[in-house]
């Protein structure tokens, strides 16, 4: 079984940008946003993707990802996915021996910027860049699937 082990952090300031490469635009939506199974459609560049994820247990969950035709992905996003769609720019930043993915959100999630790192094991030790802020791996509000039902712009930022 494919397993995703991921930790997610808010960022501290904007100085992460000095190490960021070229951004990639991502549009994604969800056919299912249930905690036991999320089904995501994503367009990244000129490729469509279908991803199925299981319930998160700690920082790990089952994940299966498959390429699909771009036209199919676009039609699924526009006609079948829950709204609003997630739109974001993704930056990849090499730090120490791992790659961080920094997502800068747009639309109803403008203002949200998070960094994610995929690990080989839940207890893997990794170097932390100085631009990392609070860890939010265990906060379901930051799941992309949750940002559809409750976009970042609707949050009380005193939470």
Foldseek 3Di string as FASTA:
>chain_A
DAKWQKWKFFWADDPVVVQWDDWWKKKKFWLDLDQQWTWMWMDTPQWIKIKIWGHDDQRMTHIDMDIDHSVVSVCCQVPRGQDDIWIWIWTWGDDDHFIKIWTQTDDLQHPGIMIMTTDPDNPDDDDDDPGTDGICSPPVCPDNSNCGVPNPNNDDVVD
